[in-house]
Structures are given as C-alpha cells and as structure tokens.
Amino acid sequence: MQSQSRLKSLVQVEKVTVREPGVIILTGPSSCGKGEVASALCRTLSIRPEAHLSMGEILRSTFRGAKEDPEFAELLATKYDLSATTNIFDCIDSSESLSAKVRSYQAELEAYFKKPNMDLFTSQLDWLEFCTMNGLLVPNRWTENFVAAHIEQARSTREETFILDGYPRTVRAAEHLLAFLESMDIPVLKVIHLSISRQEMMARAQSRGRADDDDQSLVKRFQFYIENVQPSVDYMKTQLGSDRIALIDAHQPVFDDFPENKKFNLTKSINNVVAGVLRALGVPRVVLADLLNDDKD
C-alpha cells in the first residue's frame, strides 16, 4: 500500500475527473470513516462538496428546513405525512416496537427538548431530530422518501457525479434506492464498502466521547451492520454485478517513527484507505501520490 508513494513520474497529475455522471455509494459500519473518504474523493476526483450527500445531512436539512421554512413544512406534511403536530404514537408510522423505542428514550427526549410528558406526545419531527442528532435510526419510510426527494430536487445529480454516504442500510432500502435510481436514469458507478472490525469501530467511536457511545449501544450498532448493512451490499452485488462493488479495508494505520516512540499519522492513514478506493475506481497507482499529496506529508 505504501509503495505507491515511491512511484515517480515526470508528469504531475493535478486533476482527475470521473468519466461519466452517476452515483458513488459509500457504505460500512459506524465510525468506518465514510465522511473522511467522501471528502477526499471530492478533493481528488473534482466532485463538488455540495454533491456529497450524507444521510445525516439529508436528515438534518429536513428537520431544520421544517423549522425555518413554513412552505417546506407544509410540503413535508402533505407529501410525506410528516409534521410537528402529528404524534409519533398515533400516525402512519406507528407500531408497538417504534412506540416502545420512543418511550425508552423518554428521559433523554425531555432533557433534549426541555418538554414534559413526551411519553404521551412526541411529534414526528421531534423524533426525527432526536434520532438524527443522537445517531439513531428513523423509520424506513422517512429515509427512503427523503433520499429520493433530495436526489430528485437536485438537478445536478443527473449532470455530474455525486456521492451517497451512509445509505442504504437495509435490503429494503437498497431495493427502493436502486429502483428509484433506475427510474431517474442515474447509474451506480461504484459501491464502496468500507470494512473495519467491531473492536476498531468501538475504539474509534469511544474516542469521540459521545454520551451514546457506550459499549452496549456500540455492540448493537455493529450487530445491525452485520444483520442489515452487509446483506444490503450483497443485494446490490446481485443486482449490479460484482465489478460494481469494492470492499476496502478502512483500518490501515501508519505510524511515524521517533526516537522516543511511535506517533500515529492520521493523514497518511486516511490516504492509505483513499488510495485503495481510488484504485478501485480505476485511478492508476502512479497518479495516486500526486492526488494525495504524499510528498507534502
């Protein structure tokens, strides 16, 4: 992996572009580095940062837009059956399991929103915001609709390459996404599956210091990845063909040697992973050092 930094050329490549419009899908377990890889792909492949569509940002823009734009709030209510006045316990999304899940977070919800009795009334938009800000999953119907609407409303998605980061996460979501992309005549250029072990995922998540990153929650997240995300990748592999799927080791640490001790080099570690992604996308090895600025590290 590191040998690519020693390859030299008399020609310096400063810019690479993707050959045709389409979507690059980034998937993997929590804390596998999807955001860092997406940012690097935007920089190295001349993809506009605005064309990086992360699931988290799509959900954040949804509940923030509903608060700030009355017309958008009306659109959510009329087209997607999602509003700040509809109780999550009595709506199109209601189920025993969802109600139990919401009530299990009653104390956290009331502390977050500074409102009492949220075990009796929690609006759909309150639940959307709470889940998004705390790394919890929202009902499948919401994510399917929001992703489709976001892609459909962004005209540039038919004219340029864009990155879909963190979606799909289930077989059902993968079925919906591929059918929607086909209806929009948007090709899937590559599915990048970033892989890390459960131990590494937990170490990375715990280093963030978030309150919800306790051992029990992290184990559940990794189990969700095993039971849902991996099968969604397998489904896309059967539908798109194995050549469209690239499994990338997302844990490739680099350490700088110092007389006293070794020091972790985050930039080079990320570059190792990005180099693997770029090679999977067809970028020649001799070009990687220029694109990743290895000589400047």
C-alpha atoms as a PDB file:
ATOM      1  CA  MET A   1       0.000   0.000   0.000  1.00  0.00           C
ATOM      2  CA  GLN A   2       2.706   2.472   0.938  1.00  0.00           C
ATOM      3  CA  SER A   3       4.816   1.580  -2.096  1.00  0.00           C
ATOM      4  CA  GLN A   4       2.581   3.780  -4.239  1.00  0.00           C
ATOM      5  CA  SER A   5       4.194   6.849  -2.607  1.00  0.00           C
ATOM      6  CA  ARG A   6       7.572   5.828  -4.087  1.00  0.00           C
ATOM      7  CA  LEU A   7       6.318   5.683  -7.673  1.00  0.00           C
ATOM      8  CA  LYS A   8       7.501   8.699  -9.621  1.00  0.00           C
ATOM      9  CA  SER A   9       6.578  10.207 -12.955  1.00  0.00           C
ATOM     10  CA  LEU A  10       7.946  13.104 -14.977  1.00  0.00           C
ATOM     11  CA  VAL A  11       4.341  14.240 -15.386  1.00  0.00           C
ATOM     12  CA  GLN A  12       2.458  15.668 -12.408  1.00  0.00           C
ATOM     13  CA  VAL A  13      -1.279  14.973 -12.340  1.00  0.00           C
ATOM     14  CA  GLU A  14      -3.144  17.723 -10.531  1.00  0.00           C
ATOM     15  CA  LYS A  15      -6.721  16.929 -11.501  1.00  0.00           C
ATOM     16  CA  VAL A  16      -8.766  13.815 -12.212  1.00  0.00           C
ATOM     17  CA  THR A  17     -12.460  13.713 -13.098  1.00  0.00           C
ATOM     18  CA  VAL A  18     -14.980  10.891 -13.213  1.00  0.00           C
ATOM     19  CA  ARG A  19     -15.690   9.780 -16.762  1.00  0.00           C
ATOM     20  CA  GLU A  20     -19.498   9.977 -16.615  1.00  0.00           C
ATOM     21  CA  PRO A  21     -22.304  11.222 -14.327  1.00  0.00           C
ATOM     22  CA  GLY A  22     -23.654   8.821 -11.765  1.00  0.00           C
ATOM     23  CA  VAL A  23     -23.537   7.958  -8.079  1.00  0.00           C
ATOM     24  CA  ILE A  24     -20.760   6.518  -5.913  1.00  0.00           C
ATOM     25  CA  ILE A  25     -22.296   4.813  -2.876  1.00  0.00           C
ATOM     26  CA  LEU A  26     -20.275   4.714   0.372  1.00  0.00           C
ATOM     27  CA  THR A  27     -21.356   2.165   2.957  1.00  0.00           C
ATOM     28  CA  GLY A  28     -19.982   0.409   6.007  1.00  0.00           C
ATOM     29  CA  PRO A  29     -20.320   0.221   9.805  1.00  0.00           C
ATOM     30  CA  SER A  30     -20.497   3.183  12.135  1.00  0.00           C
ATOM     31  CA  SER A  31     -17.191   5.060  12.541  1.00  0.00           C
ATOM     32  CA  CYS A  32     -15.580   3.444   9.473  1.00  0.00           C
ATOM     33  CA  GLY A  33     -14.580   6.846   8.069  1.00  0.00           C
ATOM     34  CA  LYS A  34     -17.191   7.374   5.349  1.00  0.00           C
ATOM     35  CA  GLY A  35     -17.167  11.142   5.840  1.00  0.00           C
ATOM     36  CA  GLU A  36     -13.373  11.421   5.599  1.00  0.00           C
ATOM     37  CA  VAL A  37     -13.273   9.223   2.491  1.00  0.00           C
ATOM     38  CA  ALA A  38     -16.103  11.184   0.865  1.00  0.00           C
ATOM     39  CA  SER A  39     -14.296  14.479   1.478  1.00  0.00           C
ATOM     40  CA  ALA A  40     -11.098  13.038  -0.008  1.00  0.00           C
ATOM     41  CA  LEU A  41     -12.976  11.774  -3.073  1.00  0.00           C
ATOM     42  CA  CYS A  42     -14.486  15.211  -3.620  1.00  0.00           C
ATOM     43  CA  ARG A  43     -10.996  16.731  -3.485  1.00  0.00           C
ATOM     44  CA  THR A  44      -9.232  14.144  -5.659  1.00  0.00           C
ATOM     45  CA  LEU A  45     -11.961  13.492  -8.247  1.00  0.00           C
ATOM     46  CA  SER A  46     -13.105  17.103  -8.733  1.00  0.00           C
ATOM     47  CA  ILE A  47     -16.532  16.407  -7.217  1.00  0.00           C
ATOM     48  CA  ARG A  48     -18.239  19.482  -5.769  1.00  0.00           C
ATOM     49  CA  PRO A  49     -18.568  19.291  -1.952  1.00  0.00           C
ATOM     50  CA  GLU A  50     -22.284  20.005  -2.406  1.00  0.00           C
ATOM     51  CA  ALA A  51     -22.515  16.744  -4.377  1.00  0.00           C
ATOM     52  CA  HIS A  52     -21.580  14.788  -1.247  1.00  0.00           C
ATOM     53  CA  LEU A  53     -24.986  13.684   0.063  1.00  0.00           C
ATOM     54  CA  SER A  54     -24.646  12.216   3.538  1.00  0.00           C
ATOM     55  CA  MET A  55     -27.621  10.566   5.190  1.00  0.00           C
ATOM     56  CA  GLY A  56     -27.052  12.621   8.310  1.00  0.00           C
ATOM     57  CA  GLU A  57     -27.026  15.914   6.419  1.00  0.00           C
ATOM     58  CA  ILE A  58     -30.159  14.965   4.473  1.00  0.00           C
ATOM     59  CA  LEU A  59     -31.995  14.285   7.735  1.00  0.00           C
ATOM     60  CA  ARG A  60     -30.616  17.428   9.403  1.00  0.00           C
ATOM     61  CA  SER A  61     -31.670  19.588   6.467  1.00  0.00           C
ATOM     62  CA  THR A  62     -35.148  18.060   6.685  1.00  0.00           C
ATOM     63  CA  PHE A  63     -35.964  18.922  10.290  1.00  0.00           C
ATOM     64  CA  ARG A  64     -34.124  22.258  10.138  1.00  0.00           C
ATOM     65  CA  GLY A  65     -35.957  23.207   6.954  1.00  0.00           C
ATOM     66  CA  ALA A  66     -39.268  22.336   8.570  1.00  0.00           C
ATOM     67  CA  LYS A  67     -38.481  24.742  11.411  1.00  0.00           C
ATOM     68  CA  GLU A  68     -37.259  27.597   9.230  1.00  0.00           C
ATOM     69  CA  ASP A  69     -39.442  27.374   6.117  1.00  0.00           C
ATOM     70  CA  PRO A  70     -43.246  27.151   6.503  1.00  0.00           C
ATOM     71  CA  GLU A  71     -43.640  26.141   2.854  1.00  0.00           C
ATOM     72  CA  PHE A  72     -41.213  23.271   3.283  1.00  0.00           C
ATOM     73  CA  ALA A  73     -43.016  22.217   6.474  1.00  0.00           C
ATOM     74  CA  GLU A  74     -46.281  22.172   4.522  1.00  0.00           C
ATOM     75  CA  LEU A  75     -44.648  20.065   1.795  1.00  0.00           C
ATOM     76  CA  LEU A  76     -43.453  17.536   4.370  1.00  0.00           C
ATOM     77  CA  ALA A  77     -46.914  17.325   5.879  1.00  0.00           C
ATOM     78  CA  THR A  78     -48.849  16.981   2.629  1.00  0.00           C
ATOM     79  CA  LYS A  79     -46.467  14.884   0.517  1.00  0.00           C
ATOM     80  CA  TYR A  80     -44.638  12.833   3.132  1.00  0.00           C
ATOM     81  CA  ASP A  81     -47.087  12.671   6.084  1.00  0.00           C
ATOM     82  CA  LEU A  82     -44.521  14.127   8.458  1.00  0.00           C
ATOM     83  CA  SER A  83     -45.202  17.104  10.711  1.00  0.00           C
ATOM     84  CA  ALA A  84     -44.577  18.790  14.038  1.00  0.00           C
ATOM     85  CA  THR A  85     -48.235  18.366  15.007  1.00  0.00           C
ATOM     86  CA  THR A  86     -48.554  14.619  14.434  1.00  0.00           C
ATOM     87  CA  ASN A  87     -47.930  12.281  17.363  1.00  0.00           C
ATOM     88  CA  ILE A  88     -45.384   9.531  16.650  1.00  0.00           C
ATOM     89  CA  PHE A  89     -47.588   7.226  18.762  1.00  0.00           C
ATOM     90  CA  ASP A  90     -50.609   7.735  16.515  1.00  0.00           C
ATOM     91  CA  CYS A  91     -49.606   8.127  12.882  1.00  0.00           C
ATOM     92  CA  ILE A  92     -48.851   6.237   9.685  1.00  0.00           C
ATOM     93  CA  ASP A  93     -45.500   5.130  11.127  1.00  0.00           C
ATOM     94  CA  SER A  94     -46.837   3.904  14.483  1.00  0.00           C
ATOM     95  CA  SER A  95     -46.074   0.390  15.669  1.00  0.00           C
ATOM     96  CA  GLU A  96     -45.612  -1.314  19.011  1.00  0.00           C
ATOM     97  CA  SER A  97     -41.863  -1.566  18.522  1.00  0.00           C
ATOM     98  CA  LEU A  98     -41.496   2.089  17.485  1.00  0.00           C
ATOM     99  CA  SER A  99     -43.629   3.288  20.405  1.00  0.00           C
ATOM    100  CA  ALA A 100     -41.578   1.195  22.825  1.00  0.00           C
ATOM    101  CA  LYS A 101     -38.358   2.581  21.347  1.00  0.00           C
ATOM    102  CA  VAL A 102     -39.514   6.206  21.656  1.00  0.00           C
ATOM    103  CA  ARG A 103     -40.685   5.699  25.245  1.00  0.00           C
ATOM    104  CA  SER A 104     -37.387   4.070  26.157  1.00  0.00           C
ATOM    105  CA  TYR A 105     -35.766   7.440  25.435  1.00  0.00           C
ATOM    106  CA  GLN A 106     -38.324   9.498  27.367  1.00  0.00           C
ATOM    107  CA  ALA A 107     -35.823  10.980  29.833  1.00  0.00           C
ATOM    108  CA  GLU A 108     -33.360  11.855  27.079  1.00  0.00           C
ATOM    109  CA  LEU A 109     -36.100  13.332  24.898  1.00  0.00           C
ATOM    110  CA  GLU A 110     -37.432  15.530  27.691  1.00  0.00           C
ATOM    111  CA  ALA A 111     -33.926  16.711  28.550  1.00  0.00           C
ATOM    112  CA  TYR A 112     -33.109  17.441  24.889  1.00  0.00           C
ATOM    113  CA  PHE A 113     -36.309  19.338  24.066  1.00  0.00           C
ATOM    114  CA  LYS A 114     -36.950  20.625  27.610  1.00  0.00           C
ATOM    115  CA  LYS A 115     -40.558  19.423  27.391  1.00  0.00           C
ATOM    116  CA  PRO A 116     -42.511  17.149  29.791  1.00  0.00           C
ATOM    117  CA  ASN A 117     -44.786  14.178  29.029  1.00  0.00           C
ATOM    118  CA  MET A 118     -43.042  13.136  25.835  1.00  0.00           C
ATOM    119  CA  ASP A 119     -44.088   9.563  26.549  1.00  0.00           C
ATOM    120  CA  LEU A 120     -47.588  10.773  25.641  1.00  0.00           C
ATOM    121  CA  PHE A 121     -46.823  13.134  22.773  1.00  0.00           C
ATOM    122  CA  THR A 122     -43.653  13.215  20.739  1.00  0.00           C
ATOM    123  CA  SER A 123     -44.079  14.727  17.298  1.00  0.00           C
ATOM    124  CA  GLN A 124     -42.743  13.016  14.202  1.00  0.00           C
ATOM    125  CA  LEU A 125     -40.331  15.908  13.622  1.00  0.00           C
ATOM    126  CA  ASP A 126     -39.166  15.813  17.254  1.00  0.00           C
ATOM    127  CA  TRP A 127     -38.342  12.133  16.848  1.00  0.00           C
ATOM    128  CA  LEU A 128     -36.607  12.784  13.535  1.00  0.00           C
ATOM    129  CA  GLU A 129     -34.431  15.476  15.117  1.00  0.00           C
ATOM    130  CA  PHE A 130     -33.636  13.419  18.211  1.00  0.00           C
ATOM    131  CA  CYS A 131     -32.659  10.358  16.177  1.00  0.00           C
ATOM    132  CA  THR A 132     -30.539  12.361  13.757  1.00  0.00           C
ATOM    133  CA  MET A 133     -28.652  14.194  16.483  1.00  0.00           C
ATOM    134  CA  ASN A 134     -28.077  11.017  18.503  1.00  0.00           C
ATOM    135  CA  GLY A 135     -27.194   8.540  15.788  1.00  0.00           C
ATOM    136  CA  LEU A 136     -30.421   6.515  15.971  1.00  0.00           C
ATOM    137  CA  LEU A 137     -32.274   5.001  13.032  1.00  0.00           C
ATOM    138  CA  VAL A 138     -35.501   6.607  11.831  1.00  0.00           C
ATOM    139  CA  PRO A 139     -38.445   4.784  10.191  1.00  0.00           C
ATOM    140  CA  ASN A 140     -37.594   3.293   6.790  1.00  0.00           C
ATOM    141  CA  ARG A 141     -40.332   5.276   5.063  1.00  0.00           C
ATOM    142  CA  TRP A 142     -38.704   8.549   6.069  1.00  0.00           C
ATOM    143  CA  THR A 143     -35.214   7.748   4.832  1.00  0.00           C
ATOM    144  CA  GLU A 144     -36.491   6.321   1.550  1.00  0.00           C
ATOM    145  CA  ASN A 145     -38.587   9.403   0.823  1.00  0.00           C
ATOM    146  CA  PHE A 146     -36.011  11.948   1.969  1.00  0.00           C
ATOM    147  CA  VAL A 147     -33.184  10.432  -0.085  1.00  0.00           C
ATOM    148  CA  ALA A 148     -35.365  10.190  -3.184  1.00  0.00           C
ATOM    149  CA  ALA A 149     -36.655  13.740  -2.767  1.00  0.00           C
ATOM    150  CA  HIS A 150     -33.163  15.133  -2.178  1.00  0.00           C
ATOM    151  CA  ILE A 151     -31.766  13.481  -5.297  1.00  0.00           C
ATOM    152  CA  GLU A 152     -34.792  14.414  -7.376  1.00  0.00           C
ATOM    153  CA  GLN A 153     -34.745  18.070  -6.322  1.00  0.00           C
ATOM    154  CA  ALA A 154     -31.013  18.448  -7.020  1.00  0.00           C
ATOM    155  CA  ARG A 155     -30.895  18.751 -10.795  1.00  0.00           C
ATOM    156  CA  SER A 156     -27.125  18.408 -10.756  1.00  0.00           C
ATOM    157  CA  THR A 157     -27.449  14.724  -9.806  1.00  0.00           C
ATOM    158  CA  ARG A 158     -28.306  13.979 -13.440  1.00  0.00           C
ATOM    159  CA  GLU A 159     -25.446  16.082 -14.785  1.00  0.00           C
ATOM    160  CA  GLU A 160     -22.490  15.219 -12.555  1.00  0.00           C
ATOM    161  CA  THR A 161     -21.089  12.554 -10.275  1.00  0.00           C
ATOM    162  CA  PHE A 162     -22.363  12.633  -6.708  1.00  0.00           C
ATOM    163  CA  ILE A 163     -21.609  10.627  -3.565  1.00  0.00           C
ATOM    164  CA  LEU A 164     -24.302   8.996  -1.424  1.00  0.00           C
ATOM    165  CA  ASP A 165     -22.791   8.491   2.023  1.00  0.00           C
ATOM    166  CA  GLY A 166     -24.292   6.100   4.595  1.00  0.00           C
ATOM    167  CA  TYR A 167     -27.233   4.784   2.588  1.00  0.00           C
ATOM    168  CA  PRO A 168     -28.731   2.246   2.002  1.00  0.00           C
ATOM    169  CA  ARG A 169     -28.560   0.431   5.338  1.00  0.00           C
ATOM    170  CA  THR A 170     -31.074  -2.369   4.746  1.00  0.00           C
ATOM    171  CA  VAL A 171     -32.074  -4.659   1.882  1.00  0.00           C
ATOM    172  CA  ARG A 172     -35.433  -2.881   1.673  1.00  0.00           C
ATOM    173  CA  ALA A 173     -33.673   0.488   1.362  1.00  0.00           C
ATOM    174  CA  ALA A 174     -31.332  -0.934  -1.293  1.00  0.00           C
ATOM    175  CA  GLU A 175     -34.305  -2.241  -3.300  1.00  0.00           C
ATOM    176  CA  HIS A 176     -36.025   1.147  -3.114  1.00  0.00           C
ATOM    177  CA  LEU A 177     -32.858   3.077  -3.954  1.00  0.00           C
ATOM    178  CA  LEU A 178     -31.871   1.007  -6.997  1.00  0.00           C
ATOM    179  CA  ALA A 179     -35.414   1.145  -8.369  1.00  0.00           C
ATOM    180  CA  PHE A 180     -35.530   4.910  -7.877  1.00  0.00           C
ATOM    181  CA  LEU A 181     -32.116   5.474  -9.476  1.00  0.00           C
ATOM    182  CA  GLU A 182     -33.156   3.373 -12.458  1.00  0.00           C
ATOM    183  CA  SER A 183     -36.357   5.405 -12.828  1.00  0.00           C
ATOM    184  CA  MET A 184     -34.222   8.579 -12.849  1.00  0.00           C
ATOM    185  CA  ASP A 185     -31.719   7.038 -15.301  1.00  0.00           C
ATOM    186  CA  ILE A 186     -28.873   7.552 -12.806  1.00  0.00           C
ATOM    187  CA  PRO A 187     -26.208   4.801 -12.991  1.00  0.00           C
ATOM    188  CA  VAL A 188     -24.451   3.401  -9.925  1.00  0.00           C
ATOM    189  CA  LEU A 189     -20.774   3.853 -10.777  1.00  0.00           C
ATOM    190  CA  LYS A 190     -19.402   2.028  -7.741  1.00  0.00           C
ATOM    191  CA  VAL A 191     -20.445   0.786  -4.300  1.00  0.00           C
ATOM    192  CA  ILE A 192     -17.535   1.345  -1.891  1.00  0.00           C
ATOM    193  CA  HIS A 193     -17.911  -0.945   1.131  1.00  0.00           C
ATOM    194  CA  LEU A 194     -15.568   0.252   3.906  1.00  0.00           C
ATOM    195  CA  SER A 195     -14.786  -2.516   6.378  1.00  0.00           C
ATOM    196  CA  ILE A 196     -13.494  -2.373   9.964  1.00  0.00           C
ATOM    197  CA  SER A 197     -13.636  -4.831  12.849  1.00  0.00           C
ATOM    198  CA  ARG A 198     -16.005  -4.446  15.771  1.00  0.00           C
ATOM    199  CA  GLN A 199     -13.028  -3.752  18.028  1.00  0.00           C
ATOM    200  CA  GLU A 200     -11.786  -0.928  15.788  1.00  0.00           C
ATOM    201  CA  MET A 201     -15.291   0.522  15.401  1.00  0.00           C
ATOM    202  CA  MET A 202     -15.705   0.659  19.176  1.00  0.00           C
ATOM    203  CA  ALA A 203     -12.273   2.216  19.680  1.00  0.00           C
ATOM    204  CA  ARG A 204     -12.970   4.946  17.129  1.00  0.00           C
ATOM    205  CA  ALA A 205     -16.464   5.667  18.455  1.00  0.00           C
ATOM    206  CA  GLN A 206     -15.347   5.825  22.080  1.00  0.00           C
ATOM    207  CA  SER A 207     -12.579   8.279  21.192  1.00  0.00           C
ATOM    208  CA  ARG A 208     -15.305  10.762  20.150  1.00  0.00           C
ATOM    209  CA  GLY A 209     -16.600  10.918  23.719  1.00  0.00           C
ATOM    210  CA  ARG A 210     -20.300  10.980  22.816  1.00  0.00           C
ATOM    211  CA  ALA A 211     -22.719  10.062  25.601  1.00  0.00           C
ATOM    212  CA  ASP A 212     -24.498   7.440  23.464  1.00  0.00           C
ATOM    213  CA  ASP A 213     -21.256   5.635  22.578  1.00  0.00           C
ATOM    214  CA  ASP A 214     -21.415   3.171  25.471  1.00  0.00           C
ATOM    215  CA  ASP A 215     -20.377  -0.451  24.958  1.00  0.00           C
ATOM    216  CA  GLN A 216     -23.929  -1.799  24.758  1.00  0.00           C
ATOM    217  CA  SER A 217     -25.018   0.739  22.126  1.00  0.00           C
ATOM    218  CA  LEU A 218     -21.890   0.169  20.045  1.00  0.00           C
ATOM    219  CA  VAL A 219     -22.322  -3.605  20.075  1.00  0.00           C
ATOM    220  CA  LYS A 220     -25.917  -3.143  18.896  1.00  0.00           C
ATOM    221  CA  ARG A 221     -24.758  -0.861  16.073  1.00  0.00           C
ATOM    222  CA  PHE A 222     -22.220  -3.362  14.861  1.00  0.00           C
ATOM    223  CA  GLN A 223     -24.779  -6.149  15.066  1.00  0.00           C
ATOM    224  CA  PHE A 224     -27.135  -4.016  12.966  1.00  0.00           C
ATOM    225  CA  TYR A 225     -24.346  -3.663  10.427  1.00  0.00           C
ATOM    226  CA  ILE A 226     -23.842  -7.443  10.297  1.00  0.00           C
ATOM    227  CA  GLU A 227     -27.558  -8.217  10.066  1.00  0.00           C
ATOM    228  CA  ASN A 228     -28.670  -5.386   7.778  1.00  0.00           C
ATOM    229  CA  VAL A 229     -25.934  -3.347   6.078  1.00  0.00           C
ATOM    230  CA  GLN A 230     -23.878  -6.297   4.858  1.00  0.00           C
ATOM    231  CA  PRO A 231     -26.956  -8.001   3.330  1.00  0.00           C
ATOM    232  CA  SER A 232     -27.846  -4.718   1.588  1.00  0.00           C
ATOM    233  CA  VAL A 233     -24.395  -4.747  -0.042  1.00  0.00           C
ATOM    234  CA  ASP A 234     -24.893  -8.372  -1.046  1.00  0.00           C
ATOM    235  CA  TYR A 235     -28.228  -7.439  -2.608  1.00  0.00           C
ATOM    236  CA  MET A 236     -26.644  -4.611  -4.609  1.00  0.00           C
ATOM    237  CA  LYS A 237     -23.925  -7.030  -5.712  1.00  0.00           C
ATOM    238  CA  THR A 238     -26.517  -9.413  -7.154  1.00  0.00           C
ATOM    239  CA  GLN A 239     -28.349  -6.577  -8.890  1.00  0.00           C
ATOM    240  CA  LEU A 240     -25.364  -4.583 -10.183  1.00  0.00           C
ATOM    241  CA  GLY A 241     -22.705  -7.250 -10.617  1.00  0.00           C
ATOM    242  CA  SER A 242     -19.577  -7.931  -8.583  1.00  0.00           C
ATOM    243  CA  ASP A 243     -17.492  -5.483 -10.638  1.00  0.00           C
ATOM    244  CA  ARG A 244     -19.531  -2.582  -9.212  1.00  0.00           C
ATOM    245  CA  ILE A 245     -18.718  -3.486  -5.589  1.00  0.00           C
ATOM    246  CA  ALA A 246     -15.355  -2.724  -3.939  1.00  0.00           C
ATOM    247  CA  LEU A 247     -14.542  -3.990  -0.438  1.00  0.00           C
ATOM    248  CA  ILE A 248     -11.944  -1.679   1.128  1.00  0.00           C
ATOM    249  CA  ASP A 249     -10.073  -2.215   4.391  1.00  0.00           C
ATOM    250  CA  ALA A 250     -10.811   1.013   6.270  1.00  0.00           C
ATOM    251  CA  HIS A 251      -8.244   0.316   9.004  1.00  0.00           C
ATOM    252  CA  GLN A 252      -4.776   0.879   7.545  1.00  0.00           C
ATOM    253  CA  PRO A 253      -2.837   2.741  10.243  1.00  0.00           C
ATOM    254  CA  VAL A 254       0.509   4.445   9.594  1.00  0.00           C
ATOM    255  CA  PHE A 255       2.926   5.343  12.392  1.00  0.00           C
ATOM    256  CA  ASP A 256       5.869   7.737  12.210  1.00  0.00           C
ATOM    257  CA  ASP A 257       8.998   6.504  13.980  1.00  0.00           C
ATOM    258  CA  PHE A 258      10.518   8.869  16.503  1.00  0.00           C
ATOM    259  CA  PRO A 259      13.430   8.191  18.836  1.00  0.00           C
ATOM    260  CA  GLU A 260      11.107   8.225  21.857  1.00  0.00           C
ATOM    261  CA  ASN A 261       8.082   6.378  20.493  1.00  0.00           C
ATOM    262  CA  LYS A 262       5.802   5.840  17.527  1.00  0.00           C
ATOM    263  CA  LYS A 263       3.242   8.505  16.628  1.00  0.00           C
ATOM    264  CA  PHE A 264       0.032   7.794  14.754  1.00  0.00           C
ATOM    265  CA  ASN A 265      -0.158   9.670  11.422  1.00  0.00           C
ATOM    266  CA  LEU A 266      -3.843  10.300  10.758  1.00  0.00           C
ATOM    267  CA  THR A 267      -3.352  11.924   7.333  1.00  0.00           C
ATOM    268  CA  LYS A 268      -1.304   9.060   5.924  1.00  0.00           C
ATOM    269  CA  SER A 269      -3.654   6.513   7.440  1.00  0.00           C
ATOM    270  CA  ILE A 270      -6.633   8.112   5.719  1.00  0.00           C
ATOM    271  CA  ASN A 271      -4.620   8.393   2.489  1.00  0.00           C
ATOM    272  CA  ASN A 272      -3.961   4.651   2.585  1.00  0.00           C
ATOM    273  CA  VAL A 273      -7.691   3.977   2.639  1.00  0.00           C
ATOM    274  CA  VAL A 274      -8.426   6.603  -0.007  1.00  0.00           C
ATOM    275  CA  ALA A 275      -5.699   5.138  -2.231  1.00  0.00           C
ATOM    276  CA  GLY A 276      -7.497   1.803  -2.108  1.00  0.00           C
ATOM    277  CA  VAL A 277     -10.794   3.474  -3.015  1.00  0.00           C
ATOM    278  CA  LEU A 278      -9.219   5.376  -5.910  1.00  0.00           C
ATOM    279  CA  ARG A 279      -7.608   2.242  -7.275  1.00  0.00           C
ATOM    280  CA  ALA A 280     -11.000   0.513  -7.118  1.00  0.00           C
ATOM    281  CA  LEU A 281     -12.366   3.408  -9.183  1.00  0.00           C
ATOM    282  CA  GLY A 282      -9.656   2.887 -11.799  1.00  0.00           C
ATOM    283  CA  VAL A 283      -7.069   5.543 -10.896  1.00  0.00           C
ATOM    284  CA  PRO A 284      -3.550   4.307 -11.846  1.00  0.00           C
ATOM    285  CA  ARG A 285      -1.102   3.779  -8.986  1.00  0.00           C
ATOM    286  CA  VAL A 286       1.432   6.209 -10.447  1.00  0.00           C
ATOM    287  CA  VAL A 287      -1.142   9.017 -10.192  1.00  0.00           C
ATOM    288  CA  LEU A 288      -2.077   8.412  -6.543  1.00  0.00           C
ATOM    289  CA  ALA A 289       0.920  10.177  -4.970  1.00  0.00           C
ATOM    290  CA  ASP A 290       0.131  13.380  -6.868  1.00  0.00           C
ATOM    291  CA  LEU A 291      -3.567  13.278  -5.972  1.00  0.00           C
ATOM    292  CA  LEU A 292      -2.995  12.510  -2.299  1.00  0.00           C
ATOM    293  CA  ASN A 293      -0.117  14.992  -1.875  1.00  0.00           C
ATOM    294  CA  ASP A 294       2.032  12.343  -0.207  1.00  0.00           C
ATOM    295  CA  ASP A 295       5.221  14.334  -0.798  1.00  0.00           C
ATOM    296  CA  LYS A 296       3.841  17.140   1.366  1.00  0.00           C
ATOM    297  CA  ASP A 297       3.225  14.959   4.416  1.00  0.00           C
END
